[in-house]
C-alpha atoms as a PDB file:
ATOM      1  CA  MET A   1      -0.416   0.015   0.164  1.00  0.00           C
ATOM      2  CA  LYS A   2       2.627   2.654   1.248  1.00  0.00           C
ATOM      3  CA  ASN A   3       4.766   1.063  -2.345  1.00  0.00           C
ATOM      4  CA  ALA A   4       1.203   2.168  -4.113  1.00  0.00           C
ATOM      5  CA  LYS A   5       1.016   5.698  -2.286  1.00  0.00           C
ATOM      6  CA  TRP A   6       4.377   6.685  -3.156  1.00  0.00           C
ATOM      7  CA  TRP A   7       3.656   5.504  -7.363  1.00  0.00           C
ATOM      8  CA  ILE A   8       0.823   7.322  -7.258  1.00  0.00           C
ATOM      9  CA  PHE A   9       2.740  10.825  -5.628  1.00  0.00           C
ATOM     10  CA  VAL A  10       5.274  10.568  -7.881  1.00  0.00           C
ATOM     11  CA  VAL A  11       3.140  10.311 -11.149  1.00  0.00           C
ATOM     12  CA  ILE A  12       1.602  13.121 -10.030  1.00  0.00           C
ATOM     13  CA  SER A  13       4.712  15.099  -9.738  1.00  0.00           C
ATOM     14  CA  LEU A  14       5.878  14.687 -12.794  1.00  0.00           C
ATOM     15  CA  PHE A  15       2.777  15.662 -14.318  1.00  0.00           C
ATOM     16  CA  VAL A  16       2.520  18.740 -12.462  1.00  0.00           C
ATOM     17  CA  ALA A  17       6.193  19.167 -13.060  1.00  0.00           C
ATOM     18  CA  VAL A  18       5.720  18.686 -17.214  1.00  0.00           C
ATOM     19  CA  LYS A  19       2.663  20.866 -16.990  1.00  0.00           C
ATOM     20  CA  LEU A  20       4.584  23.515 -15.384  1.00  0.00           C
ATOM     21  CA  GLY A  21       6.888  23.413 -17.428  1.00  0.00           C
ATOM     22  CA  ILE A  22       5.302  23.608 -20.754  1.00  0.00           C
ATOM     23  CA  GLY A  23       3.830  27.166 -19.254  1.00  0.00           C
ATOM     24  CA  VAL A  24       7.431  28.305 -18.426  1.00  0.00           C
ATOM     25  CA  VAL A  25       7.916  27.538 -22.039  1.00  0.00           C
ATOM     26  CA  ARG A  26       5.303  28.889 -23.022  1.00  0.00           C
ATOM     27  CA  LEU A  27       5.693  32.037 -20.969  1.00  0.00           C
ATOM     28  CA  TRP A  28       9.393  32.343 -22.052  1.00  0.00           C
ATOM     29  CA  LYS A  29       8.274  32.486 -25.703  1.00  0.00           C
ATOM     30  CA  THR A  30       5.591  34.708 -24.812  1.00  0.00           C
ATOM     31  CA  GLY A  31       7.423  36.752 -23.654  1.00  0.00           C
ATOM     32  CA  GLY A  32       9.596  37.743 -26.763  1.00  0.00           C
ATOM     33  CA  LEU A  33       7.087  37.663 -28.891  1.00  0.00           C
ATOM     34  CA  VAL A  34       5.777  40.505 -26.531  1.00  0.00           C
ATOM     35  CA  ASP A  35       9.546  42.328 -26.557  1.00  0.00           C
ATOM     36  CA  GLU A  36       8.807  41.855 -30.644  1.00  0.00           C
ATOM     37  CA  ALA A  37       5.626  43.454 -30.735  1.00  0.00           C
ATOM     38  CA  LYS A  38       6.655  45.863 -27.797  1.00  0.00           C
ATOM     39  CA  LYS A  39       9.737  46.916 -31.140  1.00  0.00           C
ATOM     40  CA  GLU A  40       7.304  46.907 -34.352  1.00  0.00           C
ATOM     41  CA  VAL A  41       4.381  49.413 -32.091  1.00  0.00           C
ATOM     42  CA  SER A  42       7.630  51.331 -31.551  1.00  0.00           C
ATOM     43  CA  ASP A  43       8.797  51.999 -34.587  1.00  0.00           C
ATOM     44  CA  LEU A  44       5.389  52.150 -36.130  1.00  0.00           C
ATOM     45  CA  LYS A  45       5.477  55.122 -33.495  1.00  0.00           C
ATOM     46  CA  LYS A  46       8.479  56.423 -35.634  1.00  0.00           C
ATOM     47  CA  GLU A  47       7.217  56.569 -38.855  1.00  0.00           C
ATOM     48  CA  ASN A  48       3.528  58.263 -37.978  1.00  0.00           C
ATOM     49  CA  SER A  49       5.580  60.900 -36.455  1.00  0.00           C
ATOM     50  CA  SER A  50       7.339  60.954 -39.461  1.00  0.00           C
ATOM     51  CA  LEU A  51       4.442  61.045 -42.141  1.00  0.00           C
ATOM     52  CA  GLN A  52       2.938  63.128 -39.488  1.00  0.00           C
ATOM     53  CA  GLU A  53       5.018  65.347 -39.815  1.00  0.00           C
ATOM     54  CA  LYS A  54       5.161  65.244 -44.046  1.00  0.00           C
ATOM     55  CA  LEU A  55       1.427  65.729 -43.782  1.00  0.00           C
ATOM     56  CA  VAL A  56       1.666  68.679 -42.252  1.00  0.00           C
ATOM     57  CA  TYR A  57       4.762  69.943 -45.127  1.00  0.00           C
ATOM     58  CA  VAL A  58       2.682  69.139 -48.363  1.00  0.00           C
ATOM     59  CA  ASN A  59      -0.852  70.537 -46.170  1.00  0.00           C
ATOM     60  CA  SER A  60       1.387  73.641 -46.257  1.00  0.00           C
ATOM     61  CA  PRO A  61       0.573  76.694 -48.497  1.00  0.00           C
ATOM     62  CA  GLU A  62       4.294  77.062 -49.385  1.00  0.00           C
ATOM     63  CA  PHE A  63       3.857  73.441 -50.878  1.00  0.00           C
ATOM     64  CA  VAL A  64       1.635  73.398 -52.530  1.00  0.00           C
ATOM     65  CA  GLU A  65       2.564  76.735 -54.079  1.00  0.00           C
ATOM     66  CA  LYS A  66       5.581  74.730 -55.317  1.00  0.00           C
ATOM     67  CA  GLU A  67       3.910  72.314 -56.638  1.00  0.00           C
ATOM     68  CA  ALA A  68       1.459  74.056 -58.887  1.00  0.00           C
ATOM     69  CA  ARG A  69       4.233  76.092 -60.556  1.00  0.00           C
ATOM     70  CA  ASP A  70       6.503  73.087 -61.071  1.00  0.00           C
ATOM     71  CA  LYS A  71       4.013  70.422 -62.446  1.00  0.00           C
ATOM     72  CA  LEU A  72       0.835  72.660 -63.407  1.00  0.00           C
ATOM     73  CA  GLY A  73       2.808  75.637 -64.813  1.00  0.00           C
ATOM     74  CA  TYR A  74       1.040  78.131 -62.970  1.00  0.00           C
ATOM     75  CA  GLY A  75       2.510  81.634 -61.127  1.00  0.00           C
ATOM     76  CA  ARG A  76       1.877  84.037 -59.039  1.00  0.00           C
ATOM     77  CA  GLU A  77      -0.687  87.107 -60.701  1.00  0.00           C
ATOM     78  CA  GLY A  78       1.422  89.829 -62.934  1.00  0.00           C
ATOM     79  CA  GLU A  79       4.033  86.912 -62.883  1.00  0.00           C
ATOM     80  CA  VAL A  80       4.928  86.234 -67.097  1.00  0.00           C
ATOM     81  CA  ILE A  81       5.551  82.452 -67.229  1.00  0.00           C
ATOM     82  CA  LEU A  82       7.660  81.160 -70.638  1.00  0.00           C
ATOM     83  CA  VAL A  83       6.885  78.010 -71.679  1.00  0.00           C
ATOM     84  CA  LEU A  84       9.423  76.825 -73.670  1.00  0.00           C
ATOM     85  CA  SER A  85       8.817  73.822 -76.701  1.00  0.00           C
ATOM     86  CA  ASP A  86       9.874  70.778 -77.703  1.00  0.00           C
ATOM     87  CA  GLN A  87      10.415  71.391 -81.134  1.00  0.00           C
ATOM     88  CA  ASN A  88      13.741  73.230 -80.543  1.00  0.00           C
ATOM     89  CA  ALA A  89      15.459  69.714 -79.289  1.00  0.00           C
ATOM     90  CA  ASN A  90      13.638  68.130 -82.556  1.00  0.00           C
ATOM     91  CA  LEU A  91      15.005  70.365 -84.741  1.00  0.00           C
ATOM     92  CA  LYS A  92      18.601  70.292 -82.460  1.00  0.00           C
ATOM     93  CA  SER A  93      18.974  66.385 -82.670  1.00  0.00           C
ATOM     94  CA  GLN A  94      17.938  65.698 -85.948  1.00  0.00           C
ATOM     95  CA  ILE A  95      20.854  67.859 -87.316  1.00  0.00           C
ATOM     96  CA  SER A  96      23.158  66.308 -84.799  1.00  0.00           C
ATOM     97  CA  ASN A  97      21.954  62.710 -85.493  1.00  0.00           C
ATOM     98  CA  PRO A  98      21.562  63.332 -89.855  1.00  0.00           C
ATOM     99  CA  LYS A  99      19.996  60.139 -91.172  1.00  0.00           C
ATOM    100  CA  THR A 100      22.322  59.101 -93.489  1.00  0.00           C
ATOM    101  CA  GLU A 101      25.467  58.021 -91.172  1.00  0.00           C
ATOM    102  CA  VAL A 102      28.694  58.817 -93.806  1.00  0.00           C
ATOM    103  CA  PRO A 103      31.636  56.228 -92.385  1.00  0.00           C
ATOM    104  CA  ASN A 104      34.601  57.787 -91.543  1.00  0.00           C
ATOM    105  CA  TRP A 105      36.831  56.867 -93.985  1.00  0.00           C
ATOM    106  CA  LYS A 106      34.671  58.223 -97.007  1.00  0.00           C
ATOM    107  CA  ARG A 107      34.658  61.687 -95.585  1.00  0.00           C
ATOM    108  CA  TRP A 108      38.520  60.879 -95.734  1.00  0.00           C
ATOM    109  CA  TRP A 109      38.305  60.167 -98.813  1.00  0.00           C
ATOM    110  CA  ASP A 110      36.236  62.902 -99.981  1.00  0.00           C
ATOM    111  CA  LEU A 111      38.170  64.918 -98.378  1.00  0.00           C
ATOM    112  CA  TYR A 112      41.782  64.841 -99.299  1.00  0.00           C
ATOM    113  CA  ILE A 113      41.065  62.294-103.033  1.00  0.00           C
ATOM    114  CA  ARG A 114      37.839  64.259-104.520  1.00  0.00           C
ATOM    115  CA  ILE A 115      39.132  67.662-104.440  1.00  0.00           C
END
């Protein structure tokens, strides 16, 4: 009888020890997850604050005016805005890159031999 009680006590003790061990391991892993989550929250707060600053700048009149001038070609009252066309650029590219390219040796031949 004493022997049976002792074995029951050992089995119950082992069961409790295993359960406690599993609980400790889960708690330890969860603690690591909490630390990672805290770090992620901190990073997101930093990103959020930088985005808030950018939002304030984007909503400012200076930014709106700059974008209107640069991208839309707007100006203030009394200003004269010059718009340069790309036609001159096309002409320059056609002049510098003729369609019929003459080989270099042919140019030399024409220069010295065909006088």
